[in-house]
PDB file of N, CA and C in Angstrom:
ATOM      1  N   THR A   1      98.367 119.361  95.917  1.00  0.00           N
ATOM      2  CA  THR A   1      99.808 119.498  95.981  1.00  0.00           C
ATOM      3  C   THR A   1     100.475 118.139  95.901  1.00  0.00           C
ATOM      4  N   PHE A   2     101.781 118.177  95.725  1.00  0.00           N
ATOM      5  CA  PHE A   2     102.551 116.947  95.595  1.00  0.00           C
ATOM      6  C   PHE A   2     102.486 116.107  96.871  1.00  0.00           C
ATOM      7  N   LEU A   3     102.577 116.741  98.027  1.00  0.00           N
ATOM      8  CA  LEU A   3     102.534 116.003  99.293  1.00  0.00           C
ATOM      9  C   LEU A   3     101.170 115.374  99.537  1.00  0.00           C
ATOM     10  N   ALA A   4     100.112 116.045  99.129  1.00  0.00           N
ATOM     11  CA  ALA A   4      98.772 115.480  99.269  1.00  0.00           C
ATOM     12  C   ALA A   4      98.628 114.228  98.412  1.00  0.00           C
ATOM     13  N   VAL A   5      99.180 114.273  97.209  1.00  0.00           N
ATOM     14  CA  VAL A   5      99.141 113.105  96.326  1.00  0.00           C
ATOM     15  C   VAL A   5      99.934 111.961  96.945  1.00  0.00           C
ATOM     16  N   LEU A   6     101.115 112.255  97.461  1.00  0.00           N
ATOM     17  CA  LEU A   6     101.923 111.214  98.110  1.00  0.00           C
ATOM     18  C   LEU A   6     101.201 110.597  99.308  1.00  0.00           C
ATOM     19  N   SER A   7     100.517 111.410 100.085  1.00  0.00           N
ATOM     20  CA  SER A   7      99.823 110.875 101.249  1.00  0.00           C
ATOM     21  C   SER A   7      98.657 109.977 100.833  1.00  0.00           C
ATOM     22  N   GLU A   8      97.972 110.331  99.755  1.00  0.00           N
ATOM     23  CA  GLU A   8      96.891 109.475  99.272  1.00  0.00           C
ATOM     24  C   GLU A   8      97.438 108.178  98.685  1.00  0.00           C
ATOM     25  N   VAL A   9      98.591 108.239  98.048  1.00  0.00           N
ATOM     26  CA  VAL A   9      99.236 107.026  97.546  1.00  0.00           C
ATOM     27  C   VAL A   9      99.591 106.117  98.714  1.00  0.00           C
ATOM     28  N   LYS A  10     100.072 106.701  99.801  1.00  0.00           N
ATOM     29  CA  LYS A  10     100.403 105.905 100.987  1.00  0.00           C
ATOM     30  C   LYS A  10      99.166 105.209 101.549  1.00  0.00           C
ATOM     31  N   VAL A  11      98.033 105.890 101.560  1.00  0.00           N
ATOM     32  CA  VAL A  11      96.788 105.274 102.026  1.00  0.00           C
ATOM     33  C   VAL A  11      96.416 104.105 101.112  1.00  0.00           C
ATOM     34  N   LEU A  12      96.510 104.295  99.803  1.00  0.00           N
ATOM     35  CA  LEU A  12      96.191 103.211  98.860  1.00  0.00           C
ATOM     36  C   LEU A  12      97.139 102.030  99.030  1.00  0.00           C
ATOM     37  N   ILE A  13      98.422 102.308  99.207  1.00  0.00           N
ATOM     38  CA  ILE A  13      99.383 101.227  99.418  1.00  0.00           C
ATOM     39  C   ILE A  13      99.061 100.471 100.704  1.00  0.00           C
ATOM     40  N   SER A  14      98.653 101.176 101.732  1.00  0.00           N
ATOM     41  CA  SER A  14      98.290 100.521 102.994  1.00  0.00           C
ATOM     42  C   SER A  14      97.086  99.604 102.815  1.00  0.00           C
ATOM     43  N   ILE A  15      96.115 100.053 102.057  1.00  0.00           N
ATOM     44  CA  ILE A  15      94.942  99.204 101.797  1.00  0.00           C
ATOM     45  C   ILE A  15      95.360  97.962 101.024  1.00  0.00           C
ATOM     46  N   VAL A  16      96.168  98.165  99.999  1.00  0.00           N
ATOM     47  CA  VAL A  16      96.602  97.051  99.154  1.00  0.00           C
ATOM     48  C   VAL A  16      97.460  96.059  99.934  1.00  0.00           C
ATOM     49  N   LYS A  17      98.254  96.527 100.875  1.00  0.00           N
ATOM     50  CA  LYS A  17      99.146  95.614 101.600  1.00  0.00           C
ATOM     51  C   LYS A  17      98.388  94.686 102.550  1.00  0.00           C
ATOM     52  N   TYR A  18      97.246  95.107 103.044  1.00  0.00           N
ATOM     53  CA  TYR A  18      96.496  94.262 103.973  1.00  0.00           C
ATOM     54  C   TYR A  18      95.646  93.204 103.257  1.00  0.00           C
ATOM     55  N   CYS A  19      95.152  93.519 102.086  1.00  0.00           N
ATOM     56  CA  CYS A  19      94.191  92.638 101.405  1.00  0.00           C
ATOM     57  C   CYS A  19      94.700  91.219 101.135  1.00  0.00           C
ATOM     58  N   PRO A  20      95.936  91.033 100.663  1.00  0.00           N
ATOM     59  CA  PRO A  20      96.387  89.657 100.417  1.00  0.00           C
ATOM     60  C   PRO A  20      96.385  88.775 101.664  1.00  0.00           C
ATOM     61  N   GLN A  21      96.740  89.328 102.817  1.00  0.00           N
ATOM     62  CA  GLN A  21      96.754  88.518 104.030  1.00  0.00           C
ATOM     63  C   GLN A  21      95.345  88.159 104.471  1.00  0.00           C
ATOM     64  N   VAL A  22      94.415  89.093 104.346  1.00  0.00           N
ATOM     65  CA  VAL A  22      93.015  88.790 104.674  1.00  0.00           C
ATOM     66  C   VAL A  22      92.522  87.663 103.779  1.00  0.00           C
ATOM     67  N   TRP A  23      92.823  87.754 102.485  1.00  0.00           N
ATOM     68  CA  TRP A  23      92.366  86.749 101.523  1.00  0.00           C
ATOM     69  C   TRP A  23      93.033  85.397 101.780  1.00  0.00           C
ATOM     70  N   THR A  24      94.331  85.410 102.069  1.00  0.00           N
ATOM     71  CA  THR A  24      95.043  84.157 102.349  1.00  0.00           C
ATOM     72  C   THR A  24      94.465  83.476 103.587  1.00  0.00           C
ATOM     73  N   ASN A  25      94.241  84.236 104.641  1.00  0.00           N
ATOM     74  CA  ASN A  25      93.643  83.653 105.844  1.00  0.00           C
ATOM     75  C   ASN A  25      92.266  83.076 105.541  1.00  0.00           C
ATOM     76  N   TYR A  26      91.492  83.785 104.720  1.00  0.00           N
ATOM     77  CA  TYR A  26      90.145  83.326 104.380  1.00  0.00           C
ATOM     78  C   TYR A  26      90.191  82.039 103.556  1.00  0.00           C
ATOM     79  N   THR A  27      91.026  81.984 102.540  1.00  0.00           N
ATOM     80  CA  THR A  27      91.054  80.796 101.682  1.00  0.00           C
ATOM     81  C   THR A  27      91.629  79.587 102.415  1.00  0.00           C
ATOM     82  N   ARG A  28      92.608  79.814 103.301  1.00  0.00           N
ATOM     83  CA  ARG A  28      93.189  78.709 104.066  1.00  0.00           C
ATOM     84  C   ARG A  28      92.365  78.358 105.293  1.00  0.00           C
ATOM     85  N   LYS A  29      91.451  79.253 105.670  1.00  0.00           N
ATOM     86  CA  LYS A  29      90.655  79.090 106.902  1.00  0.00           C
ATOM     87  C   LYS A  29      91.577  78.870 108.100  1.00  0.00           C
ATOM     88  N   SER A  30      92.675  79.630 108.098  1.00  0.00           N
ATOM     89  CA  SER A  30      93.672  79.490 109.145  1.00  0.00           C
ATOM     90  C   SER A  30      94.528  80.747 109.209  1.00  0.00           C
ATOM     91  N   THR A  31      95.078  81.007 110.385  1.00  0.00           N
ATOM     92  CA  THR A  31      96.069  82.067 110.532  1.00  0.00           C
ATOM     93  C   THR A  31      97.415  81.465 110.932  1.00  0.00           C
ATOM     94  N   GLU A  32      97.560  80.188 110.713  1.00  0.00           N
ATOM     95  CA  GLU A  32      98.807  79.492 111.026  1.00  0.00           C
ATOM     96  C   GLU A  32      99.942  80.076 110.192  1.00  0.00           C
ATOM     97  N   GLY A  33     101.070  80.316 110.836  1.00  0.00           N
ATOM     98  CA  GLY A  33     102.248  80.762 110.109  1.00  0.00           C
ATOM     99  C   GLY A  33     102.562  82.238 110.243  1.00  0.00           C
ATOM    100  N   TRP A  34     101.739  82.998 110.909  1.00  0.00           N
ATOM    101  CA  TRP A  34     102.065  84.411 111.145  1.00  0.00           C
ATOM    102  C   TRP A  34     101.677  84.767 112.561  1.00  0.00           C
ATOM    103  N   THR A  35     102.309  85.785 113.068  1.00  0.00           N
ATOM    104  CA  THR A  35     102.103  86.163 114.460  1.00  0.00           C
ATOM    105  C   THR A  35     101.073  87.287 114.587  1.00  0.00           C
ATOM    106  N   ILE A  36     100.284  87.227 115.624  1.00  0.00           N
ATOM    107  CA  ILE A  36      99.265  88.245 115.892  1.00  0.00           C
ATOM    108  C   ILE A  36      99.869  89.450 116.605  1.00  0.00           C
ATOM    109  N   HIS A  37     101.079  89.312 117.135  1.00  0.00           N
ATOM    110  CA  HIS A  37     101.676  90.385 117.939  1.00  0.00           C
ATOM    111  C   HIS A  37     101.817  91.689 117.167  1.00  0.00           C
ATOM    112  N   ASN A  38     102.286  91.608 115.926  1.00  0.00           N
ATOM    113  CA  ASN A  38     102.429  92.830 115.131  1.00  0.00           C
ATOM    114  C   ASN A  38     101.081  93.470 114.835  1.00  0.00           C
ATOM    115  N   VAL A  39     100.064  92.647 114.669  1.00  0.00           N
ATOM    116  CA  VAL A  39      98.714  93.159 114.436  1.00  0.00           C
ATOM    117  C   VAL A  39      98.230  93.924 115.663  1.00  0.00           C
ATOM    118  N   LEU A  40      98.484  93.384 116.839  1.00  0.00           N
ATOM    119  CA  LEU A  40      98.058  94.049 118.066  1.00  0.00           C
ATOM    120  C   LEU A  40      98.785  95.378 118.249  1.00  0.00           C
ATOM    121  N   LEU A  41     100.068  95.415 117.918  1.00  0.00           N
ATOM    122  CA  LEU A  41     100.821  96.669 118.004  1.00  0.00           C
ATOM    123  C   LEU A  41     100.321  97.678 116.961  1.00  0.00           C
ATOM    124  N   ASP A  42     100.050  97.202 115.756  1.00  0.00           N
ATOM    125  CA  ASP A  42      99.545  98.064 114.696  1.00  0.00           C
ATOM    126  C   ASP A  42      98.176  98.624 115.066  1.00  0.00           C
ATOM    127  N   PHE A  43      97.342  97.798 115.671  1.00  0.00           N
ATOM    128  CA  PHE A  43      96.016  98.228 116.121  1.00  0.00           C
ATOM    129  C   PHE A  43      96.144  99.336 117.173  1.00  0.00           C
ATOM    130  N   THR A  44      97.052  99.136 118.113  1.00  0.00           N
ATOM    131  CA  THR A  44      97.274 100.142 119.147  1.00  0.00           C
ATOM    132  C   THR A  44      97.758 101.456 118.546  1.00  0.00           C
ATOM    133  N   GLY A  45      98.685 101.370 117.616  1.00  0.00           N
ATOM    134  CA  GLY A  45      99.197 102.568 116.965  1.00  0.00           C
ATOM    135  C   GLY A  45      98.130 103.304 116.172  1.00  0.00           C
ATOM    136  N   GLY A  46      97.320 102.565 115.423  1.00  0.00           N
ATOM    137  CA  GLY A  46      96.246 103.193 114.652  1.00  0.00           C
ATOM    138  C   GLY A  46      95.213 103.843 115.543  1.00  0.00           C
ATOM    139  N   LEU A  47      94.865 103.160 116.615  1.00  0.00           N
ATOM    140  CA  LEU A  47      93.883 103.696 117.557  1.00  0.00           C
ATOM    141  C   LEU A  47      94.405 104.972 118.225  1.00  0.00           C
ATOM    142  N   LEU A  48      95.650 104.945 118.650  1.00  0.00           N
ATOM    143  CA  LEU A  48      96.237 106.119 119.298  1.00  0.00           C
ATOM    144  C   LEU A  48      96.404 107.284 118.311  1.00  0.00           C
ATOM    145  N   SER A  49      96.692 106.981 117.069  1.00  0.00           N
ATOM    146  CA  SER A  49      96.832 108.029 116.057  1.00  0.00           C
ATOM    147  C   SER A  49      95.513 108.760 115.836  1.00  0.00           C
ATOM    148  N   VAL A  50      94.437 107.985 115.691  1.00  0.00           N
ATOM    149  CA  VAL A  50      93.112 108.600 115.520  1.00  0.00           C
ATOM    150  C   VAL A  50      92.706 109.333 116.793  1.00  0.00           C
ATOM    151  N   ALA A  51      92.993 108.740 117.950  1.00  0.00           N
ATOM    152  CA  ALA A  51      92.656 109.393 119.220  1.00  0.00           C
ATOM    153  C   ALA A  51      93.390 110.722 119.370  1.00  0.00           C
ATOM    154  N   GLN A  52      94.645 110.769 118.931  1.00  0.00           N
ATOM    155  CA  GLN A  52      95.396 112.017 119.004  1.00  0.00           C
ATOM    156  C   GLN A  52      94.747 113.096 118.135  1.00  0.00           C
ATOM    157  N   LEU A  53      94.338 112.727 116.924  1.00  0.00           N
ATOM    158  CA  LEU A  53      93.674 113.699 116.049  1.00  0.00           C
ATOM    159  C   LEU A  53      92.400 114.234 116.690  1.00  0.00           C
ATOM    160  N   VAL A  54      91.589 113.330 117.229  1.00  0.00           N
ATOM    161  CA  VAL A  54      90.318 113.726 117.834  1.00  0.00           C
ATOM    162  C   VAL A  54      90.563 114.564 119.087  1.00  0.00           C
ATOM    163  N   LEU A  55      91.518 114.156 119.903  1.00  0.00           N
ATOM    164  CA  LEU A  55      91.811 114.901 121.129  1.00  0.00           C
ATOM    165  C   LEU A  55      92.345 116.297 120.815  1.00  0.00           C
ATOM    166  N   ASP A  56      93.265 116.386 119.853  1.00  0.00           N
ATOM    167  CA  ASP A  56      93.788 117.701 119.464  1.00  0.00           C
ATOM    168  C   ASP A  56      92.674 118.602 118.939  1.00  0.00           C
ATOM    169  N   ALA A  57      91.799 118.042 118.106  1.00  0.00           N
ATOM    170  CA  ALA A  57      90.692 118.831 117.563  1.00  0.00           C
ATOM    171  C   ALA A  57      89.733 119.258 118.669  1.00  0.00           C
ATOM    172  N   SER A  58      89.495 118.373 119.613  1.00  0.00           N
ATOM    173  CA  SER A  58      88.582 118.676 120.712  1.00  0.00           C
ATOM    174  C   SER A  58      89.142 119.775 121.617  1.00  0.00           C
ATOM    175  N   LEU A  59      90.408 119.648 121.977  1.00  0.00           N
ATOM    176  CA  LEU A  59      91.012 120.622 122.881  1.00  0.00           C
ATOM    177  C   LEU A  59      91.150 122.004 122.244  1.00  0.00           C
ATOM    178  N   SER A  60      91.391 122.020 120.948  1.00  0.00           N
ATOM    179  CA  SER A  60      91.513 123.320 120.270  1.00  0.00           C
ATOM    180  C   SER A  60      90.165 123.837 119.781  1.00  0.00           C
ATOM    181  N   GLU A  61      89.136 123.022 119.970  1.00  0.00           N
ATOM    182  CA  GLU A  61      87.781 123.338 119.509  1.00  0.00           C
ATOM    183  C   GLU A  61      87.774 123.726 118.032  1.00  0.00           C
ATOM    184  N   ASP A  62      88.620 123.051 117.281  1.00  0.00           N
ATOM    185  CA  ASP A  62      88.732 123.276 115.843  1.00  0.00           C
ATOM    186  C   ASP A  62      88.717 121.913 115.152  1.00  0.00           C
ATOM    187  N   TRP A  63      87.537 121.474 114.770  1.00  0.00           N
ATOM    188  CA  TRP A  63      87.378 120.144 114.201  1.00  0.00           C
ATOM    189  C   TRP A  63      87.915 120.041 112.787  1.00  0.00           C
ATOM    190  N   SER A  64      88.327 121.165 112.228  1.00  0.00           N
ATOM    191  CA  SER A  64      88.952 121.108 110.906  1.00  0.00           C
ATOM    192  C   SER A  64      90.344 120.483 110.985  1.00  0.00           C
ATOM    193  N   ALA A  65      90.860 120.324 112.200  1.00  0.00           N
ATOM    194  CA  ALA A  65      92.159 119.672 112.369  1.00  0.00           C
ATOM    195  C   ALA A  65      92.109 118.230 111.860  1.00  0.00           C
ATOM    196  N   ILE A  66      90.955 117.589 111.964  1.00  0.00           N
ATOM    197  CA  ILE A  66      90.816 116.219 111.464  1.00  0.00           C
ATOM    198  C   ILE A  66      90.809 116.222 109.944  1.00  0.00           C
ATOM    199  N   SER A  67      90.028 117.122 109.365  1.00  0.00           N
ATOM    200  CA  SER A  67      89.981 117.177 107.909  1.00  0.00           C
ATOM    201  C   SER A  67      91.242 117.810 107.333  1.00  0.00           C
ATOM    202  N   GLY A  68      92.015 118.479 108.167  1.00  0.00           N
ATOM    203  CA  GLY A  68      93.265 119.079 107.723  1.00  0.00           C
ATOM    204  C   GLY A  68      94.375 118.074 107.511  1.00  0.00           C
ATOM    205  N   ASP A  69      94.232 116.887 108.078  1.00  0.00           N
ATOM    206  CA  ASP A  69      95.217 115.825 107.897  1.00  0.00           C
ATOM    207  C   ASP A  69      94.490 114.523 107.538  1.00  0.00           C
ATOM    208  N   PRO A  70      93.876 114.477 106.347  1.00  0.00           N
ATOM    209  CA  PRO A  70      93.072 113.306 105.983  1.00  0.00           C
ATOM    210  C   PRO A  70      93.895 112.032 105.867  1.00  0.00           C
ATOM    211  N   ALA A  71      95.157 112.140 105.479  1.00  0.00           N
ATOM    212  CA  ALA A  71      95.977 110.938 105.343  1.00  0.00           C
ATOM    213  C   ALA A  71      96.170 110.260 106.691  1.00  0.00           C
ATOM    214  N   LYS A  72      96.480 111.043 107.716  1.00  0.00           N
ATOM    215  CA  LYS A  72      96.674 110.462 109.049  1.00  0.00           C
ATOM    216  C   LYS A  72      95.373 109.830 109.543  1.00  0.00           C
ATOM    217  N   PHE A  73      94.274 110.515 109.332  1.00  0.00           N
ATOM    218  CA  PHE A  73      92.974 110.005 109.757  1.00  0.00           C
ATOM    219  C   PHE A  73      92.635 108.708 109.015  1.00  0.00           C
ATOM    220  N   LEU A  74      92.844 108.704 107.698  1.00  0.00           N
ATOM    221  CA  LEU A  74      92.548 107.509 106.908  1.00  0.00           C
ATOM    222  C   LEU A  74      93.487 106.361 107.241  1.00  0.00           C
ATOM    223  N   LEU A  75      94.774 106.651 107.395  1.00  0.00           N
ATOM    224  CA  LEU A  75      95.723 105.583 107.726  1.00  0.00           C
ATOM    225  C   LEU A  75      95.393 104.932 109.068  1.00  0.00           C
ATOM    226  N   GLY A  76      95.056 105.736 110.045  1.00  0.00           N
ATOM    227  CA  GLY A  76      94.685 105.188 111.345  1.00  0.00           C
ATOM    228  C   GLY A  76      93.447 104.325 111.264  1.00  0.00           C
ATOM    229  N   ASN A  77      92.441 104.791 110.535  1.00  0.00           N
ATOM    230  CA  ASN A  77      91.193 104.031 110.416  1.00  0.00           C
ATOM    231  C   ASN A  77      91.350 102.783 109.559  1.00  0.00           C
ATOM    232  N   VAL A  78      92.126 102.867 108.482  1.00  0.00           N
ATOM    233  CA  VAL A  78      92.388 101.686 107.661  1.00  0.00           C
ATOM    234  C   VAL A  78      93.114 100.639 108.486  1.00  0.00           C
ATOM    235  N   SER A  79      94.104 101.074 109.236  1.00  0.00           N
ATOM    236  CA  SER A  79      94.864 100.171 110.085  1.00  0.00           C
ATOM    237  C   SER A  79      93.963  99.476 111.108  1.00  0.00           C
ATOM    238  N   VAL A  80      93.155 100.245 111.798  1.00  0.00           N
ATOM    239  CA  VAL A  80      92.248  99.681 112.803  1.00  0.00           C
ATOM    240  C   VAL A  80      91.256  98.721 112.143  1.00  0.00           C
ATOM    241  N   PHE A  81      90.712  99.104 111.003  1.00  0.00           N
ATOM    242  CA  PHE A  81      89.739  98.259 110.297  1.00  0.00           C
ATOM    243  C   PHE A  81      90.323  96.887 109.957  1.00  0.00           C
ATOM    244  N   PHE A  82      91.487  96.870 109.312  1.00  0.00           N
ATOM    245  CA  PHE A  82      92.075  95.592 108.928  1.00  0.00           C
ATOM    246  C   PHE A  82      92.590  94.816 110.136  1.00  0.00           C
ATOM    247  N   ASP A  83      93.095  95.508 111.139  1.00  0.00           N
ATOM    248  CA  ASP A  83      93.555  94.802 112.334  1.00  0.00           C
ATOM    249  C   ASP A  83      92.399  94.113 113.055  1.00  0.00           C
ATOM    250  N   ILE A  84      91.235  94.724 113.056  1.00  0.00           N
ATOM    251  CA  ILE A  84      90.055  94.071 113.645  1.00  0.00           C
ATOM    252  C   ILE A  84      89.711  92.822 112.845  1.00  0.00           C
ATOM    253  N   ILE A  85      89.797  92.903 111.522  1.00  0.00           N
ATOM    254  CA  ILE A  85      89.551  91.719 110.698  1.00  0.00           C
ATOM    255  C   ILE A  85      90.540  90.616 111.061  1.00  0.00           C
ATOM    256  N   PHE A  86      91.828  90.969 111.173  1.00  0.00           N
ATOM    257  CA  PHE A  86      92.837  89.963 111.526  1.00  0.00           C
ATOM    258  C   PHE A  86      92.588  89.365 112.904  1.00  0.00           C
ATOM    259  N   MET A  87      92.197  90.177 113.872  1.00  0.00           N
ATOM    260  CA  MET A  87      91.941  89.661 115.214  1.00  0.00           C
ATOM    261  C   MET A  87      90.731  88.730 115.218  1.00  0.00           C
ATOM    262  N   VAL A  88      89.699  89.083 114.486  1.00  0.00           N
ATOM    263  CA  VAL A  88      88.522  88.209 114.394  1.00  0.00           C
ATOM    264  C   VAL A  88      88.906  86.895 113.719  1.00  0.00           C
ATOM    265  N   GLN A  89      89.692  86.971 112.658  1.00  0.00           N
ATOM    266  CA  GLN A  89      90.139  85.749 111.996  1.00  0.00           C
ATOM    267  C   GLN A  89      90.971  84.897 112.951  1.00  0.00           C
ATOM    268  N   HIS A  90      91.892  85.520 113.654  1.00  0.00           N
ATOM    269  CA  HIS A  90      92.823  84.771 114.492  1.00  0.00           C
ATOM    270  C   HIS A  90      92.176  84.200 115.756  1.00  0.00           C
ATOM    271  N   TYR A  91      91.393  85.020 116.441  1.00  0.00           N
ATOM    272  CA  TYR A  91      90.855  84.600 117.733  1.00  0.00           C
ATOM    273  C   TYR A  91      89.459  83.991 117.664  1.00  0.00           C
ATOM    274  N   CYS A  92      88.695  84.284 116.630  1.00  0.00           N
ATOM    275  CA  CYS A  92      87.310  83.803 116.570  1.00  0.00           C
ATOM    276  C   CYS A  92      87.089  82.773 115.456  1.00  0.00           C
ATOM    277  N   LEU A  93      87.301  83.197 114.229  1.00  0.00           N
ATOM    278  CA  LEU A  93      86.939  82.344 113.091  1.00  0.00           C
ATOM    279  C   LEU A  93      87.825  81.120 112.943  1.00  0.00           C
ATOM    280  N   TYR A  94      89.131  81.287 113.071  1.00  0.00           N
ATOM    281  CA  TYR A  94      90.057  80.197 112.770  1.00  0.00           C
ATOM    282  C   TYR A  94      90.889  79.784 113.973  1.00  0.00           C
ATOM    283  N   ALA A  95      90.408  80.029 115.157  1.00  0.00           N
ATOM    284  CA  ALA A  95      91.166  79.690 116.369  1.00  0.00           C
ATOM    285  C   ALA A  95      91.402  78.191 116.487  1.00  0.00           C
ATOM    286  N   LYS A  96      90.417  77.404 116.114  1.00  0.00           N
ATOM    287  CA  LYS A  96      90.545  75.942 116.245  1.00  0.00           C
ATOM    288  C   LYS A  96      91.504  75.357 115.229  1.00  0.00           C
ATOM    289  N   SER A  97      91.741  76.047 114.131  1.00  0.00           N
ATOM    290  CA  SER A  97      92.634  75.527 113.095  1.00  0.00           C
ATOM    291  C   SER A  97      94.098  75.596 113.491  1.00  0.00           C
ATOM    292  N   ARG A  98      94.400  76.268 114.587  1.00  0.00           N
ATOM    293  CA  ARG A  98      95.787  76.374 115.034  1.00  0.00           C
ATOM    294  C   ARG A  98      96.224  75.143 115.812  1.00  0.00           C
ATOM    295  N   GLY A  99      95.353  74.198 116.006  1.00  0.00           N
ATOM    296  CA  GLY A  99      95.724  72.954 116.656  1.00  0.00           C
ATOM    297  C   GLY A  99      95.591  73.012 118.166  1.00  0.00           C
ATOM    298  N   PRO A 100      96.230  72.052 118.842  1.00  0.00           N
ATOM    299  CA  PRO A 100      96.063  71.930 120.293  1.00  0.00           C
ATOM    300  C   PRO A 100      96.741  73.046 121.089  1.00  0.00           C
ATOM    301  N   ARG A 101      97.607  73.816 120.463  1.00  0.00           N
ATOM    302  CA  ARG A 101      98.295  74.899 121.176  1.00  0.00           C
ATOM    303  C   ARG A 101      97.368  76.096 121.265  1.00  0.00           C
ATOM    304  N   GLU A 102      96.343  75.988 122.041  1.00  0.00           N
ATOM    305  CA  GLU A 102      95.305  77.011 122.084  1.00  0.00           C
ATOM    306  C   GLU A 102      95.805  78.294 122.745  1.00  0.00           C
ATOM    307  N   PHE A 103      95.825  79.382 121.959  1.00  0.00           N
ATOM    308  CA  PHE A 103      96.165  80.716 122.441  1.00  0.00           C
ATOM    309  C   PHE A 103      97.518  80.772 123.158  1.00  0.00           C
ATOM    310  N   ASP A 104      98.511  80.079 122.604  1.00  0.00           N
ATOM    311  CA  ASP A 104      99.823  80.099 123.238  1.00  0.00           C
ATOM    312  C   ASP A 104     100.789  80.963 122.439  1.00  0.00           C
ATOM    313  N   ASP A 105     100.318  82.055 121.895  1.00  0.00           N
ATOM    314  CA  ASP A 105     101.141  82.912 121.066  1.00  0.00           C
ATOM    315  C   ASP A 105     102.401  83.389 121.760  1.00  0.00           C
ATOM    316  N   PHE A 106     102.370  83.560 123.061  1.00  0.00           N
ATOM    317  CA  PHE A 106     103.503  84.125 123.773  1.00  0.00           C
ATOM    318  C   PHE A 106     104.543  83.082 124.146  1.00  0.00           C
ATOM    319  N   GLN A 107     104.316  81.826 123.834  1.00  0.00           N
ATOM    320  CA  GLN A 107     105.288  80.784 124.140  1.00  0.00           C
ATOM    321  C   GLN A 107     106.289  80.572 123.021  1.00  0.00           C
ATOM    322  N   ASN A 108     106.089  81.210 121.878  1.00  0.00           N
ATOM    323  CA  ASN A 108     106.991  81.023 120.733  1.00  0.00           C
ATOM    324  C   ASN A 108     108.282  81.754 120.922  1.00  0.00           C
TER     325      ASN A 108
END
């Protein structure tokens, strides 16, 4: 159906929107210039979205509820996947490249 096509397009757009930032952080070996706060909020939203699907399916004992809304399931998982990449880049891989202001994101 038309709505199913639109939902799959939204999933593809979500994948495409994250890739340039992952690549930019990788090539610069830095996350300087962007805030991690939105990533943390996006991660929370994606996690809660997937949790809601699983909880609803569990309580209704109808696991087809997850496959019945593949766009929501995919969007939540895509979001969580890329947000984990961003958190690893920001807090683990490139933490030292942010200079002497170590982990002072909340002071800005």
